[in-house]
Amino acid sequence: MPARELQDQLNTLREQLEQNPPLSLEEREHLQTLMGQIDAQIKLETATQDASLADGVNLAVERFELDHPGIAGTLRNIVQTLGNIGI
């Protein structure tokens, strides 16, 4: 089930953040907000489109791409999974 895959990717992102990469407080708060939104979407288990969530994750990919490629890669996986479940 794609929602389970999304949850796994979200857990991977949380694990990456627990390793304390060199992120500013603003970057960390931005990711925490996105993770909360993703988590809420998973809990709703809805297939309705929420383009703002996917757009927000895409923007985060661009933001973290150069300095934090591991985090950006996980975020790309999240975008792909969101697309697979119709979000």
C-alpha atoms as a PDB file:
ATOM      1  CA  MET A   1       0.000   0.000   0.000  1.00  0.00           C
ATOM      2  CA  PRO A   2       1.437   3.389  -0.972  1.00  0.00           C
ATOM      3  CA  ALA A   3       0.434   5.007   2.343  1.00  0.00           C
ATOM      4  CA  ARG A   4       2.601   2.477   4.172  1.00  0.00           C
ATOM      5  CA  GLU A   5       5.470   3.261   1.807  1.00  0.00           C
ATOM      6  CA  LEU A   6       4.972   6.966   2.467  1.00  0.00           C
ATOM      7  CA  GLN A   7       5.051   6.319   6.222  1.00  0.00           C
ATOM      8  CA  ASP A   8       8.311   4.369   5.808  1.00  0.00           C
ATOM      9  CA  GLN A   9       9.845   7.259   3.869  1.00  0.00           C
ATOM     10  CA  LEU A  10       8.663   9.716   6.484  1.00  0.00           C
ATOM     11  CA  ASN A  11      10.302   7.554   9.152  1.00  0.00           C
ATOM     12  CA  THR A  12      13.524   7.558   7.106  1.00  0.00           C
ATOM     13  CA  LEU A  13      13.429  11.356   6.989  1.00  0.00           C
ATOM     14  CA  ARG A  14      12.909  11.490  10.762  1.00  0.00           C
ATOM     15  CA  GLU A  15      15.904   9.175  11.253  1.00  0.00           C
ATOM     16  CA  GLN A  16      18.025  11.417   9.045  1.00  0.00           C
ATOM     17  CA  LEU A  17      17.043  14.446  11.113  1.00  0.00           C
ATOM     18  CA  GLU A  18      17.858  12.591  14.340  1.00  0.00           C
ATOM     19  CA  GLN A  19      21.444  12.318  13.078  1.00  0.00           C
ATOM     20  CA  ASN A  20      21.576  16.105  13.490  1.00  0.00           C
ATOM     21  CA  PRO A  21      22.681  17.190  10.024  1.00  0.00           C
ATOM     22  CA  PRO A  22      23.936  20.777   9.921  1.00  0.00           C
ATOM     23  CA  LEU A  23      20.551  22.459   9.430  1.00  0.00           C
ATOM     24  CA  SER A  24      19.558  25.897  10.537  1.00  0.00           C
ATOM     25  CA  LEU A  25      16.678  26.239  12.979  1.00  0.00           C
ATOM     26  CA  GLU A  26      14.535  27.591  10.125  1.00  0.00           C
ATOM     27  CA  GLU A  27      15.343  24.598   7.900  1.00  0.00           C
ATOM     28  CA  ARG A  28      14.616  22.150  10.709  1.00  0.00           C
ATOM     29  CA  GLU A  29      11.298  23.870  11.498  1.00  0.00           C
ATOM     30  CA  HIS A  30      10.361  23.850   7.809  1.00  0.00           C
ATOM     31  CA  LEU A  31      10.963  20.099   7.603  1.00  0.00           C
ATOM     32  CA  GLN A  32       9.063  19.492  10.851  1.00  0.00           C
ATOM     33  CA  THR A  33       6.083  21.397   9.443  1.00  0.00           C
ATOM     34  CA  LEU A  34       6.175  19.403   6.211  1.00  0.00           C
ATOM     35  CA  MET A  35       6.450  16.131   8.119  1.00  0.00           C
ATOM     36  CA  GLY A  36       3.438  17.104  10.197  1.00  0.00           C
ATOM     37  CA  GLN A  37       1.439  17.827   7.049  1.00  0.00           C
ATOM     38  CA  ILE A  38       2.463  14.520   5.498  1.00  0.00           C
ATOM     39  CA  ASP A  39       1.649  12.682   8.699  1.00  0.00           C
ATOM     40  CA  ALA A  40      -1.799  14.308   8.811  1.00  0.00           C
ATOM     41  CA  GLN A  41      -2.423  13.296   5.210  1.00  0.00           C
ATOM     42  CA  ILE A  42      -1.479   9.700   5.970  1.00  0.00           C
ATOM     43  CA  LYS A  43      -3.844   9.659   8.932  1.00  0.00           C
ATOM     44  CA  LEU A  44      -6.696  10.936   6.790  1.00  0.00           C
ATOM     45  CA  GLU A  45      -6.023   8.129   4.305  1.00  0.00           C
ATOM     46  CA  THR A  46      -7.670  10.125   1.615  1.00  0.00           C
ATOM     47  CA  ALA A  47      -7.027   9.969  -2.073  1.00  0.00           C
ATOM     48  CA  THR A  48      -8.189  13.505  -2.715  1.00  0.00           C
ATOM     49  CA  GLN A  49      -5.635  15.695  -4.321  1.00  0.00           C
ATOM     50  CA  ASP A  50      -3.832  18.180  -2.146  1.00  0.00           C
ATOM     51  CA  ALA A  51      -1.488  19.894  -4.558  1.00  0.00           C
ATOM     52  CA  SER A  52      -0.221  22.256  -1.875  1.00  0.00           C
ATOM     53  CA  LEU A  53       1.326  19.353   0.065  1.00  0.00           C
ATOM     54  CA  ALA A  54       3.116  17.978  -3.007  1.00  0.00           C
ATOM     55  CA  ASP A  55       4.190  21.503  -3.973  1.00  0.00           C
ATOM     56  CA  GLY A  56       5.548  22.114  -0.481  1.00  0.00           C
ATOM     57  CA  VAL A  57       7.579  18.915  -0.564  1.00  0.00           C
ATOM     58  CA  ASN A  58       8.872  19.770  -4.060  1.00  0.00           C
ATOM     59  CA  LEU A  59       9.999  23.167  -2.807  1.00  0.00           C
ATOM     60  CA  ALA A  60      11.772  21.470   0.084  1.00  0.00           C
ATOM     61  CA  VAL A  61      13.581  19.186  -2.389  1.00  0.00           C
ATOM     62  CA  GLU A  62      14.893  22.252  -4.198  1.00  0.00           C
ATOM     63  CA  ARG A  63      15.856  23.916  -0.934  1.00  0.00           C
ATOM     64  CA  PHE A  64      17.844  20.980   0.462  1.00  0.00           C
ATOM     65  CA  GLU A  65      19.192  19.561  -2.807  1.00  0.00           C
ATOM     66  CA  LEU A  66      22.669  21.099  -2.724  1.00  0.00           C
ATOM     67  CA  ASP A  67      23.569  21.081   0.957  1.00  0.00           C
ATOM     68  CA  HIS A  68      21.666  17.991   2.133  1.00  0.00           C
ATOM     69  CA  PRO A  69      21.338  15.515  -0.767  1.00  0.00           C
ATOM     70  CA  GLY A  70      20.269  12.625   1.492  1.00  0.00           C
ATOM     71  CA  ILE A  71      17.329  14.584   2.844  1.00  0.00           C
ATOM     72  CA  ALA A  72      16.458  15.805  -0.666  1.00  0.00           C
ATOM     73  CA  GLY A  73      16.495  12.216  -1.943  1.00  0.00           C
ATOM     74  CA  THR A  74      14.099  11.096   0.756  1.00  0.00           C
ATOM     75  CA  LEU A  75      11.847  14.061   0.004  1.00  0.00           C
ATOM     76  CA  ARG A  76      11.871  13.091  -3.705  1.00  0.00           C
ATOM     77  CA  ASN A  77      10.721   9.596  -2.716  1.00  0.00           C
ATOM     78  CA  ILE A  78       7.925  11.179  -0.686  1.00  0.00           C
ATOM     79  CA  VAL A  79       6.840  13.277  -3.709  1.00  0.00           C
ATOM     80  CA  GLN A  80       6.787  10.138  -5.851  1.00  0.00           C
ATOM     81  CA  THR A  81       4.717   8.237  -3.302  1.00  0.00           C
ATOM     82  CA  LEU A  82       2.294  11.142  -2.919  1.00  0.00           C
ATOM     83  CA  GLY A  83       1.826  11.057  -6.680  1.00  0.00           C
ATOM     84  CA  ASN A  84       1.278   7.310  -6.622  1.00  0.00           C
ATOM     85  CA  ILE A  85      -1.557   7.672  -4.108  1.00  0.00           C
ATOM     86  CA  GLY A  86      -3.120  10.539  -6.009  1.00  0.00           C
ATOM     87  CA  ILE A  87      -2.030  13.453  -3.852  1.00  0.00           C
END
